[in-house]
PDB file of N, CA and C in Angstrom:
ATOM      1  N   UNK A   1       2.190  -7.103  14.710  1.00  0.00           N
ATOM      2  CA  UNK A   1       3.385  -6.271  14.791  1.00  0.00           C
ATOM      3  C   UNK A   1       4.538  -6.882  13.971  1.00  0.00           C
ATOM      4  N   UNK A   2       4.620  -8.187  13.972  1.00  0.00           N
ATOM      5  CA  UNK A   2       5.708  -8.860  13.238  1.00  0.00           C
ATOM      6  C   UNK A   2       5.609  -8.585  11.745  1.00  0.00           C
ATOM      7  N   UNK A   3       4.404  -8.558  11.206  1.00  0.00           N
ATOM      8  CA  UNK A   3       4.244  -8.263   9.775  1.00  0.00           C
ATOM      9  C   UNK A   3       4.689  -6.844   9.457  1.00  0.00           C
ATOM     10  N   UNK A   4       4.398  -5.911  10.332  1.00  0.00           N
ATOM     11  CA  UNK A   4       4.830  -4.525  10.115  1.00  0.00           C
ATOM     12  C   UNK A   4       6.352  -4.457  10.121  1.00  0.00           C
ATOM     13  N   UNK A   5       6.970  -5.149  11.046  1.00  0.00           N
ATOM     14  CA  UNK A   5       8.436  -5.185  11.100  1.00  0.00           C
ATOM     15  C   UNK A   5       9.009  -5.780   9.820  1.00  0.00           C
ATOM     16  N   UNK A   6       8.366  -6.836   9.326  1.00  0.00           N
ATOM     17  CA  UNK A   6       8.828  -7.453   8.074  1.00  0.00           C
ATOM     18  C   UNK A   6       8.685  -6.483   6.907  1.00  0.00           C
ATOM     19  N   UNK A   7       7.578  -5.766   6.867  1.00  0.00           N
ATOM     20  CA  UNK A   7       7.355  -4.817   5.784  1.00  0.00           C
ATOM     21  C   UNK A   7       8.422  -3.727   5.789  1.00  0.00           C
ATOM     22  N   UNK A   8       8.814  -3.301   6.961  1.00  0.00           N
ATOM     23  CA  UNK A   8       9.801  -2.227   7.085  1.00  0.00           C
ATOM     24  C   UNK A   8      11.220  -2.680   6.767  1.00  0.00           C
ATOM     25  N   UNK A   9      11.526  -3.960   6.974  1.00  0.00           N
ATOM     26  CA  UNK A   9      12.916  -4.396   6.830  1.00  0.00           C
ATOM     27  C   UNK A   9      13.186  -5.301   5.633  1.00  0.00           C
ATOM     28  N   UNK A  10      12.166  -5.929   5.101  1.00  0.00           N
ATOM     29  CA  UNK A  10      12.346  -6.914   4.028  1.00  0.00           C
ATOM     30  C   UNK A  10      12.743  -6.236   2.717  1.00  0.00           C
ATOM     31  N   UNK A  11      13.613  -6.877   1.969  1.00  0.00           N
ATOM     32  CA  UNK A  11      14.018  -6.327   0.674  1.00  0.00           C
ATOM     33  C   UNK A  11      13.563  -7.197  -0.500  1.00  0.00           C
ATOM     34  N   UNK A  12      13.172  -8.433  -0.237  1.00  0.00           N
ATOM     35  CA  UNK A  12      12.718  -9.335  -1.292  1.00  0.00           C
ATOM     36  C   UNK A  12      11.321  -8.908  -1.759  1.00  0.00           C
ATOM     37  N   UNK A  13      11.214  -8.560  -3.045  1.00  0.00           N
ATOM     38  CA  UNK A  13       9.971  -7.993  -3.582  1.00  0.00           C
ATOM     39  C   UNK A  13       8.761  -8.886  -3.350  1.00  0.00           C
ATOM     40  N   UNK A  14       8.885 -10.179  -3.622  1.00  0.00           N
ATOM     41  CA  UNK A  14       7.743 -11.084  -3.456  1.00  0.00           C
ATOM     42  C   UNK A  14       7.247 -11.130  -2.012  1.00  0.00           C
ATOM     43  N   UNK A  15       8.178 -11.087  -1.083  1.00  0.00           N
ATOM     44  CA  UNK A  15       7.815 -11.124   0.335  1.00  0.00           C
ATOM     45  C   UNK A  15       7.112  -9.827   0.721  1.00  0.00           C
ATOM     46  N   UNK A  16       7.640  -8.703   0.285  1.00  0.00           N
ATOM     47  CA  UNK A  16       7.036  -7.399   0.591  1.00  0.00           C
ATOM     48  C   UNK A  16       5.606  -7.344   0.058  1.00  0.00           C
ATOM     49  N   UNK A  17       5.407  -7.817  -1.155  1.00  0.00           N
ATOM     50  CA  UNK A  17       4.074  -7.808  -1.762  1.00  0.00           C
ATOM     51  C   UNK A  17       3.101  -8.625  -0.914  1.00  0.00           C
ATOM     52  N   UNK A  18       3.492  -9.820  -0.524  1.00  0.00           N
ATOM     53  CA  UNK A  18       2.601 -10.677   0.261  1.00  0.00           C
ATOM     54  C   UNK A  18       2.332 -10.101   1.651  1.00  0.00           C
ATOM     55  N   UNK A  19       3.341  -9.528   2.264  1.00  0.00           N
ATOM     56  CA  UNK A  19       3.154  -8.931   3.592  1.00  0.00           C
ATOM     57  C   UNK A  19       2.218  -7.726   3.506  1.00  0.00           C
ATOM     58  N   UNK A  20       2.375  -6.889   2.494  1.00  0.00           N
ATOM     59  CA  UNK A  20       1.498  -5.729   2.328  1.00  0.00           C
ATOM     60  C   UNK A  20       0.052  -6.169   2.134  1.00  0.00           C
ATOM     61  N   UNK A  21      -0.152  -7.196   1.340  1.00  0.00           N
ATOM     62  CA  UNK A  21      -1.515  -7.712   1.129  1.00  0.00           C
ATOM     63  C   UNK A  21      -2.096  -8.291   2.417  1.00  0.00           C
ATOM     64  N   UNK A  22      -1.273  -9.016   3.162  1.00  0.00           N
ATOM     65  CA  UNK A  22      -1.738  -9.601   4.422  1.00  0.00           C
ATOM     66  C   UNK A  22      -2.139  -8.513   5.417  1.00  0.00           C
ATOM     67  N   UNK A  23      -1.351  -7.461   5.486  1.00  0.00           N
ATOM     68  CA  UNK A  23      -1.689  -6.357   6.390  1.00  0.00           C
ATOM     69  C   UNK A  23      -3.014  -5.712   6.004  1.00  0.00           C
ATOM     70  N   UNK A  24      -3.260  -5.593   4.721  1.00  0.00           N
ATOM     71  CA  UNK A  24      -4.532  -5.040   4.266  1.00  0.00           C
ATOM     72  C   UNK A  24      -5.698  -5.922   4.659  1.00  0.00           C
ATOM     73  N   UNK A  25      -5.506  -7.225   4.578  1.00  0.00           N
ATOM     74  CA  UNK A  25      -6.575  -8.153   4.961  1.00  0.00           C
ATOM     75  C   UNK A  25      -6.847  -8.098   6.460  1.00  0.00           C
ATOM     76  N   UNK A  26      -5.797  -7.864   7.241  1.00  0.00           N
ATOM     77  CA  UNK A  26      -5.981  -7.743   8.691  1.00  0.00           C
ATOM     78  C   UNK A  26      -6.677  -6.432   9.053  1.00  0.00           C
ATOM     79  N   UNK A  27      -6.417  -5.390   8.261  1.00  0.00           N
ATOM     80  CA  UNK A  27      -7.074  -4.102   8.493  1.00  0.00           C
ATOM     81  C   UNK A  27      -6.600  -3.365   9.732  1.00  0.00           C
ATOM     82  N   UNK A  28      -5.408  -3.676  10.205  1.00  0.00           N
ATOM     83  CA  UNK A  28      -4.876  -3.036  11.412  1.00  0.00           C
ATOM     84  C   UNK A  28      -4.375  -1.633  11.076  1.00  0.00           C
ATOM     85  N   UNK A  29      -4.997  -0.591  11.620  1.00  0.00           N
ATOM     86  CA  UNK A  29      -4.600   0.770  11.289  1.00  0.00           C
ATOM     87  C   UNK A  29      -3.171   1.124  11.694  1.00  0.00           C
ATOM     88  N   UNK A  30      -2.564   0.358  12.582  1.00  0.00           N
ATOM     89  CA  UNK A  30      -1.181   0.658  12.961  1.00  0.00           C
ATOM     90  C   UNK A  30      -0.208   0.379  11.818  1.00  0.00           C
ATOM     91  N   UNK A  31      -0.673  -0.274  10.758  1.00  0.00           N
ATOM     92  CA  UNK A  31       0.185  -0.582   9.607  1.00  0.00           C
ATOM     93  C   UNK A  31       0.199   0.531   8.562  1.00  0.00           C
ATOM     94  N   UNK A  32      -0.607   1.557   8.726  1.00  0.00           N
ATOM     95  CA  UNK A  32      -0.725   2.595   7.698  1.00  0.00           C
ATOM     96  C   UNK A  32       0.617   3.259   7.397  1.00  0.00           C
ATOM     97  N   UNK A  33       1.377   3.622   8.413  1.00  0.00           N
ATOM     98  CA  UNK A  33       2.656   4.308   8.170  1.00  0.00           C
ATOM     99  C   UNK A  33       3.634   3.438   7.387  1.00  0.00           C
ATOM    100  N   UNK A  34       3.731   2.172   7.758  1.00  0.00           N
ATOM    101  CA  UNK A  34       4.644   1.267   7.059  1.00  0.00           C
ATOM    102  C   UNK A  34       4.196   1.058   5.619  1.00  0.00           C
ATOM    103  N   UNK A  35       2.895   0.921   5.401  1.00  0.00           N
ATOM    104  CA  UNK A  35       2.381   0.772   4.038  1.00  0.00           C
ATOM    105  C   UNK A  35       2.610   2.037   3.230  1.00  0.00           C
ATOM    106  N   UNK A  36       2.457   3.180   3.872  1.00  0.00           N
ATOM    107  CA  UNK A  36       2.694   4.449   3.177  1.00  0.00           C
ATOM    108  C   UNK A  36       4.126   4.531   2.653  1.00  0.00           C
ATOM    109  N   UNK A  37       5.075   4.130   3.453  1.00  0.00           N
ATOM    110  CA  UNK A  37       6.479   4.170   3.027  1.00  0.00           C
ATOM    111  C   UNK A  37       6.710   3.313   1.789  1.00  0.00           C
ATOM    112  N   UNK A  38       6.036   2.162   1.728  1.00  0.00           N
ATOM    113  CA  UNK A  38       6.199   1.272   0.573  1.00  0.00           C
ATOM    114  C   UNK A  38       5.401   1.765  -0.629  1.00  0.00           C
ATOM    115  N   UNK A  39       4.326   2.479  -0.400  1.00  0.00           N
ATOM    116  CA  UNK A  39       3.494   2.965  -1.497  1.00  0.00           C
ATOM    117  C   UNK A  39       4.069   4.225  -2.129  1.00  0.00           C
ATOM    118  N   UNK A  40       4.474   5.153  -1.299  1.00  0.00           N
ATOM    119  CA  UNK A  40       4.895   6.469  -1.770  1.00  0.00           C
ATOM    120  C   UNK A  40       6.394   6.529  -2.035  1.00  0.00           C
ATOM    121  N   UNK A  41       7.156   5.835  -1.214  1.00  0.00           N
ATOM    122  CA  UNK A  41       8.608   5.907  -1.350  1.00  0.00           C
ATOM    123  C   UNK A  41       9.153   7.076  -0.568  1.00  0.00           C
ATOM    124  N   UNK A  42      10.285   7.567  -1.018  1.00  0.00           N
ATOM    125  CA  UNK A  42      10.940   8.675  -0.323  1.00  0.00           C
ATOM    126  C   UNK A  42      11.524   9.640  -1.343  1.00  0.00           C
ATOM    127  N   UNK A  43      12.185  10.631  -0.822  1.00  0.00           N
ATOM    128  CA  UNK A  43      12.859  11.619  -1.658  1.00  0.00           C
ATOM    129  C   UNK A  43      13.861  10.943  -2.600  1.00  0.00           C
ATOM    130  N   UNK A  44      14.420   9.834  -2.169  1.00  0.00           N
ATOM    131  CA  UNK A  44      15.468   9.155  -2.927  1.00  0.00           C
ATOM    132  C   UNK A  44      14.946   8.212  -3.996  1.00  0.00           C
ATOM    133  N   UNK A  45      13.664   7.939  -3.995  1.00  0.00           N
ATOM    134  CA  UNK A  45      13.111   7.081  -5.033  1.00  0.00           C
ATOM    135  C   UNK A  45      11.863   6.351  -4.585  1.00  0.00           C
ATOM    136  N   UNK A  46      11.270   5.692  -5.560  1.00  0.00           N
ATOM    137  CA  UNK A  46      10.051   4.940  -5.307  1.00  0.00           C
ATOM    138  C   UNK A  46      10.327   3.448  -5.444  1.00  0.00           C
ATOM    139  N   UNK A  47       9.608   2.659  -4.679  1.00  0.00           N
ATOM    140  CA  UNK A  47       9.733   1.208  -4.820  1.00  0.00           C
ATOM    141  C   UNK A  47       9.212   0.769  -6.186  1.00  0.00           C
ATOM    142  N   UNK A  48       9.507  -0.462  -6.577  1.00  0.00           N
ATOM    143  CA  UNK A  48       8.968  -0.995  -7.838  1.00  0.00           C
ATOM    144  C   UNK A  48       7.431  -0.964  -7.825  1.00  0.00           C
ATOM    145  N   UNK A  49       6.857  -0.924  -9.009  1.00  0.00           N
ATOM    146  CA  UNK A  49       5.401  -0.816  -9.143  1.00  0.00           C
ATOM    147  C   UNK A  49       4.663  -1.935  -8.408  1.00  0.00           C
ATOM    148  N   UNK A  50       5.164  -3.155  -8.450  1.00  0.00           N
ATOM    149  CA  UNK A  50       4.477  -4.270  -7.788  1.00  0.00           C
ATOM    150  C   UNK A  50       4.361  -4.032  -6.280  1.00  0.00           C
ATOM    151  N   UNK A  51       5.397  -3.500  -5.679  1.00  0.00           N
ATOM    152  CA  UNK A  51       5.369  -3.201  -4.247  1.00  0.00           C
ATOM    153  C   UNK A  51       4.416  -2.052  -3.971  1.00  0.00           C
ATOM    154  N   UNK A  52       4.464  -1.026  -4.795  1.00  0.00           N
ATOM    155  CA  UNK A  52       3.569   0.117  -4.599  1.00  0.00           C
ATOM    156  C   UNK A  52       2.109  -0.302  -4.730  1.00  0.00           C
ATOM    157  N   UNK A  53       1.819  -1.126  -5.726  1.00  0.00           N
ATOM    158  CA  UNK A  53       0.449  -1.610  -5.929  1.00  0.00           C
ATOM    159  C   UNK A  53      -0.008  -2.398  -4.700  1.00  0.00           C
ATOM    160  N   UNK A  54       0.814  -3.311  -4.220  1.00  0.00           N
ATOM    161  CA  UNK A  54       0.445  -4.117  -3.054  1.00  0.00           C
ATOM    162  C   UNK A  54       0.245  -3.238  -1.818  1.00  0.00           C
ATOM    163  N   UNK A  55       1.083  -2.226  -1.667  1.00  0.00           N
ATOM    164  CA  UNK A  55       0.945  -1.325  -0.523  1.00  0.00           C
ATOM    165  C   UNK A  55      -0.368  -0.546  -0.594  1.00  0.00           C
ATOM    166  N   UNK A  56      -0.706  -0.066  -1.777  1.00  0.00           N
ATOM    167  CA  UNK A  56      -1.984   0.633  -1.915  1.00  0.00           C
ATOM    168  C   UNK A  56      -3.159  -0.326  -1.710  1.00  0.00           C
ATOM    169  N   UNK A  57      -3.024  -1.548  -2.164  1.00  0.00           N
ATOM    170  CA  UNK A  57      -4.077  -2.536  -1.913  1.00  0.00           C
ATOM    171  C   UNK A  57      -4.221  -2.775  -0.417  1.00  0.00           C
ATOM    172  N   UNK A  58      -3.097  -2.817   0.281  1.00  0.00           N
ATOM    173  CA  UNK A  58      -3.143  -2.943   1.735  1.00  0.00           C
ATOM    174  C   UNK A  58      -3.810  -1.754   2.386  1.00  0.00           C
ATOM    175  N   UNK A  59      -3.489  -0.562   1.907  1.00  0.00           N
ATOM    176  CA  UNK A  59      -4.108   0.651   2.451  1.00  0.00           C
ATOM    177  C   UNK A  59      -5.615   0.668   2.223  1.00  0.00           C
ATOM    178  N   UNK A  60      -6.058   0.056   1.150  1.00  0.00           N
ATOM    179  CA  UNK A  60      -7.500   0.007   0.877  1.00  0.00           C
ATOM    180  C   UNK A  60      -8.241  -0.787   1.958  1.00  0.00           C
ATOM    181  N   UNK A  61      -7.534  -1.626   2.686  1.00  0.00           N
ATOM    182  CA  UNK A  61      -8.145  -2.378   3.773  1.00  0.00           C
ATOM    183  C   UNK A  61      -8.154  -1.639   5.095  1.00  0.00           C
ATOM    184  N   UNK A  62      -7.626  -0.432   5.100  1.00  0.00           N
ATOM    185  CA  UNK A  62      -7.540   0.359   6.326  1.00  0.00           C
ATOM    186  C   UNK A  62      -8.637   1.421   6.353  1.00  0.00           C
ATOM    187  N   UNK A  63      -9.289   1.536   7.473  1.00  0.00           N
ATOM    188  CA  UNK A  63     -10.374   2.513   7.606  1.00  0.00           C
ATOM    189  C   UNK A  63      -9.882   3.727   8.387  1.00  0.00           C
ATOM    190  N   UNK A  64      -8.852   4.383   7.846  1.00  0.00           N
ATOM    191  CA  UNK A  64      -8.353   5.586   8.509  1.00  0.00           C
ATOM    192  C   UNK A  64      -8.377   6.751   7.529  1.00  0.00           C
ATOM    193  N   UNK A  65      -8.470   7.958   8.038  1.00  0.00           N
ATOM    194  CA  UNK A  65      -8.436   9.125   7.151  1.00  0.00           C
ATOM    195  C   UNK A  65      -7.133   9.201   6.345  1.00  0.00           C
ATOM    196  N   UNK A  66      -6.005   8.853   6.959  1.00  0.00           N
ATOM    197  CA  UNK A  66      -4.719   8.917   6.248  1.00  0.00           C
ATOM    198  C   UNK A  66      -4.675   7.914   5.103  1.00  0.00           C
ATOM    199  N   UNK A  67      -5.169   6.706   5.330  1.00  0.00           N
ATOM    200  CA  UNK A  67      -5.201   5.710   4.254  1.00  0.00           C
ATOM    201  C   UNK A  67      -6.070   6.206   3.108  1.00  0.00           C
ATOM    202  N   UNK A  68      -7.210   6.766   3.419  1.00  0.00           N
ATOM    203  CA  UNK A  68      -8.109   7.306   2.393  1.00  0.00           C
ATOM    204  C   UNK A  68      -7.424   8.423   1.619  1.00  0.00           C
ATOM    205  N   UNK A  69      -6.728   9.301   2.317  1.00  0.00           N
ATOM    206  CA  UNK A  69      -6.021  10.403   1.671  1.00  0.00           C
ATOM    207  C   UNK A  69      -4.953   9.878   0.718  1.00  0.00           C
ATOM    208  N   UNK A  70      -4.189   8.902   1.152  1.00  0.00           N
ATOM    209  CA  UNK A  70      -3.141   8.329   0.303  1.00  0.00           C
ATOM    210  C   UNK A  70      -3.731   7.693  -0.949  1.00  0.00           C
ATOM    211  N   UNK A  71      -4.842   6.987  -0.784  1.00  0.00           N
ATOM    212  CA  UNK A  71      -5.494   6.360  -1.935  1.00  0.00           C
ATOM    213  C   UNK A  71      -6.023   7.418  -2.901  1.00  0.00           C
ATOM    214  N   UNK A  72      -6.621   8.464  -2.360  1.00  0.00           N
ATOM    215  CA  UNK A  72      -7.128   9.548  -3.213  1.00  0.00           C
ATOM    216  C   UNK A  72      -5.986  10.200  -3.998  1.00  0.00           C
ATOM    217  N   UNK A  73      -4.867  10.432  -3.340  1.00  0.00           N
ATOM    218  CA  UNK A  73      -3.706  11.027  -4.004  1.00  0.00           C
ATOM    219  C   UNK A  73      -3.155  10.104  -5.079  1.00  0.00           C
ATOM    220  N   UNK A  74      -3.196   8.806  -4.835  1.00  0.00           N
ATOM    221  CA  UNK A  74      -2.655   7.829  -5.789  1.00  0.00           C
ATOM    222  C   UNK A  74      -3.478   7.752  -7.066  1.00  0.00           C
ATOM    223  N   UNK A  75      -4.698   8.244  -7.036  1.00  0.00           N
ATOM    224  CA  UNK A  75      -5.512   8.272  -8.256  1.00  0.00           C
ATOM    225  C   UNK A  75      -4.902   9.184  -9.306  1.00  0.00           C
ATOM    226  N   UNK A  76      -3.961  10.030  -8.887  1.00  0.00           N
ATOM    227  CA  UNK A  76      -3.260  10.941  -9.797  1.00  0.00           C
ATOM    228  C   UNK A  76      -1.788  10.549  -9.977  1.00  0.00           C
ATOM    229  N   UNK A  77      -1.427   9.339  -9.591  1.00  0.00           N
ATOM    230  CA  UNK A  77      -0.038   8.882  -9.674  1.00  0.00           C
ATOM    231  C   UNK A  77       0.450   8.905 -11.119  1.00  0.00           C
ATOM    232  N   UNK A  78       1.744   9.089 -11.299  1.00  0.00           N
ATOM    233  CA  UNK A  78       2.337   9.107 -12.637  1.00  0.00           C
ATOM    234  C   UNK A  78       2.318   7.731 -13.302  1.00  0.00           C
ATOM    235  N   UNK A  79       2.299   6.686 -12.501  1.00  0.00           N
ATOM    236  CA  UNK A  79       2.346   5.319 -13.009  1.00  0.00           C
ATOM    237  C   UNK A  79       0.926   4.812 -13.282  1.00  0.00           C
ATOM    238  N   UNK A  80       0.633   4.510 -14.535  1.00  0.00           N
ATOM    239  CA  UNK A  80      -0.708   4.057 -14.919  1.00  0.00           C
ATOM    240  C   UNK A  80      -1.094   2.759 -14.220  1.00  0.00           C
ATOM    241  N   UNK A  81      -0.139   1.876 -13.996  1.00  0.00           N
ATOM    242  CA  UNK A  81      -0.419   0.617 -13.313  1.00  0.00           C
ATOM    243  C   UNK A  81      -0.886   0.874 -11.879  1.00  0.00           C
ATOM    244  N   UNK A  82      -0.236   1.801 -11.219  1.00  0.00           N
ATOM    245  CA  UNK A  82      -0.615   2.148  -9.851  1.00  0.00           C
ATOM    246  C   UNK A  82      -2.001   2.780  -9.835  1.00  0.00           C
ATOM    247  N   UNK A  83      -2.250   3.718 -10.733  1.00  0.00           N
ATOM    248  CA  UNK A  83      -3.579   4.359 -10.790  1.00  0.00           C
ATOM    249  C   UNK A  83      -4.680   3.328 -10.990  1.00  0.00           C
ATOM    250  N   UNK A  84      -4.477   2.413 -11.920  1.00  0.00           N
ATOM    251  CA  UNK A  84      -5.487   1.391 -12.208  1.00  0.00           C
ATOM    252  C   UNK A  84      -5.714   0.485 -10.998  1.00  0.00           C
ATOM    253  N   UNK A  85      -4.653   0.108 -10.330  1.00  0.00           N
ATOM    254  CA  UNK A  85      -4.777  -0.770  -9.159  1.00  0.00           C
ATOM    255  C   UNK A  85      -5.508  -0.061  -8.021  1.00  0.00           C
ATOM    256  N   UNK A  86      -5.231   1.209  -7.845  1.00  0.00           N
ATOM    257  CA  UNK A  86      -5.909   1.967  -6.793  1.00  0.00           C
ATOM    258  C   UNK A  86      -7.395   2.096  -7.108  1.00  0.00           C
ATOM    259  N   UNK A  87      -7.724   2.393  -8.352  1.00  0.00           N
ATOM    260  CA  UNK A  87      -9.141   2.470  -8.738  1.00  0.00           C
ATOM    261  C   UNK A  87      -9.840   1.152  -8.449  1.00  0.00           C
ATOM    262  N   UNK A  88      -9.202   0.047  -8.818  1.00  0.00           N
ATOM    263  CA  UNK A  88      -9.795  -1.280  -8.595  1.00  0.00           C
ATOM    264  C   UNK A  88      -9.941  -1.562  -7.093  1.00  0.00           C
ATOM    265  N   UNK A  89      -8.941  -1.193  -6.308  1.00  0.00           N
ATOM    266  CA  UNK A  89      -9.007  -1.433  -4.864  1.00  0.00           C
ATOM    267  C   UNK A  89     -10.106  -0.608  -4.218  1.00  0.00           C
ATOM    268  N   UNK A  90     -10.284   0.616  -4.685  1.00  0.00           N
ATOM    269  CA  UNK A  90     -11.351   1.459  -4.143  1.00  0.00           C
ATOM    270  C   UNK A  90     -12.726   0.918  -4.529  1.00  0.00           C
ATOM    271  N   UNK A  91     -12.852   0.437  -5.756  1.00  0.00           N
ATOM    272  CA  UNK A  91     -14.125  -0.164  -6.169  1.00  0.00           C
ATOM    273  C   UNK A  91     -14.436  -1.407  -5.331  1.00  0.00           C
ATOM    274  N   UNK A  92     -13.433  -2.243  -5.105  1.00  0.00           N
ATOM    275  CA  UNK A  92     -13.639  -3.464  -4.324  1.00  0.00           C
ATOM    276  C   UNK A  92     -14.007  -3.127  -2.878  1.00  0.00           C
ATOM    277  N   UNK A  93     -13.428  -2.067  -2.360  1.00  0.00           N
ATOM    278  CA  UNK A  93     -13.704  -1.659  -0.981  1.00  0.00           C
ATOM    279  C   UNK A  93     -15.136  -1.169  -0.827  1.00  0.00           C
ATOM    280  N   UNK A  94     -15.658  -0.542  -1.883  1.00  0.00           N
ATOM    281  CA  UNK A  94     -17.012   0.014  -1.821  1.00  0.00           C
ATOM    282  C   UNK A  94     -18.084  -1.051  -1.954  1.00  0.00           C
ATOM    283  N   UNK A  95     -17.719  -2.164  -2.510  1.00  0.00           N
ATOM    284  CA  UNK A  95     -18.782  -3.095  -2.554  1.00  0.00           C
ATOM    285  C   UNK A  95     -18.751  -4.247  -3.383  1.00  0.00           C
TER     286      UNK A  95
END
């Protein structure tokens, strides 16, 4: 729970990236919503690419329908770096 709280409140990019990756390694489905916010952003803007990539990598460690949906949608992201990272994360997840 503490990592999810950190992900939601932290503003330092390096910390957010590491927390998102750690959550993915833990595979706790309760982190999906917090990771989604960092991956997708909001109406007001998107986080930097490094944060989005880490969030999608974290989502790749989640075995939920919502995480899968977000990853599938990210395959069409406008940012080529994000698309490539999602493809790589999905390949790594498969095997």
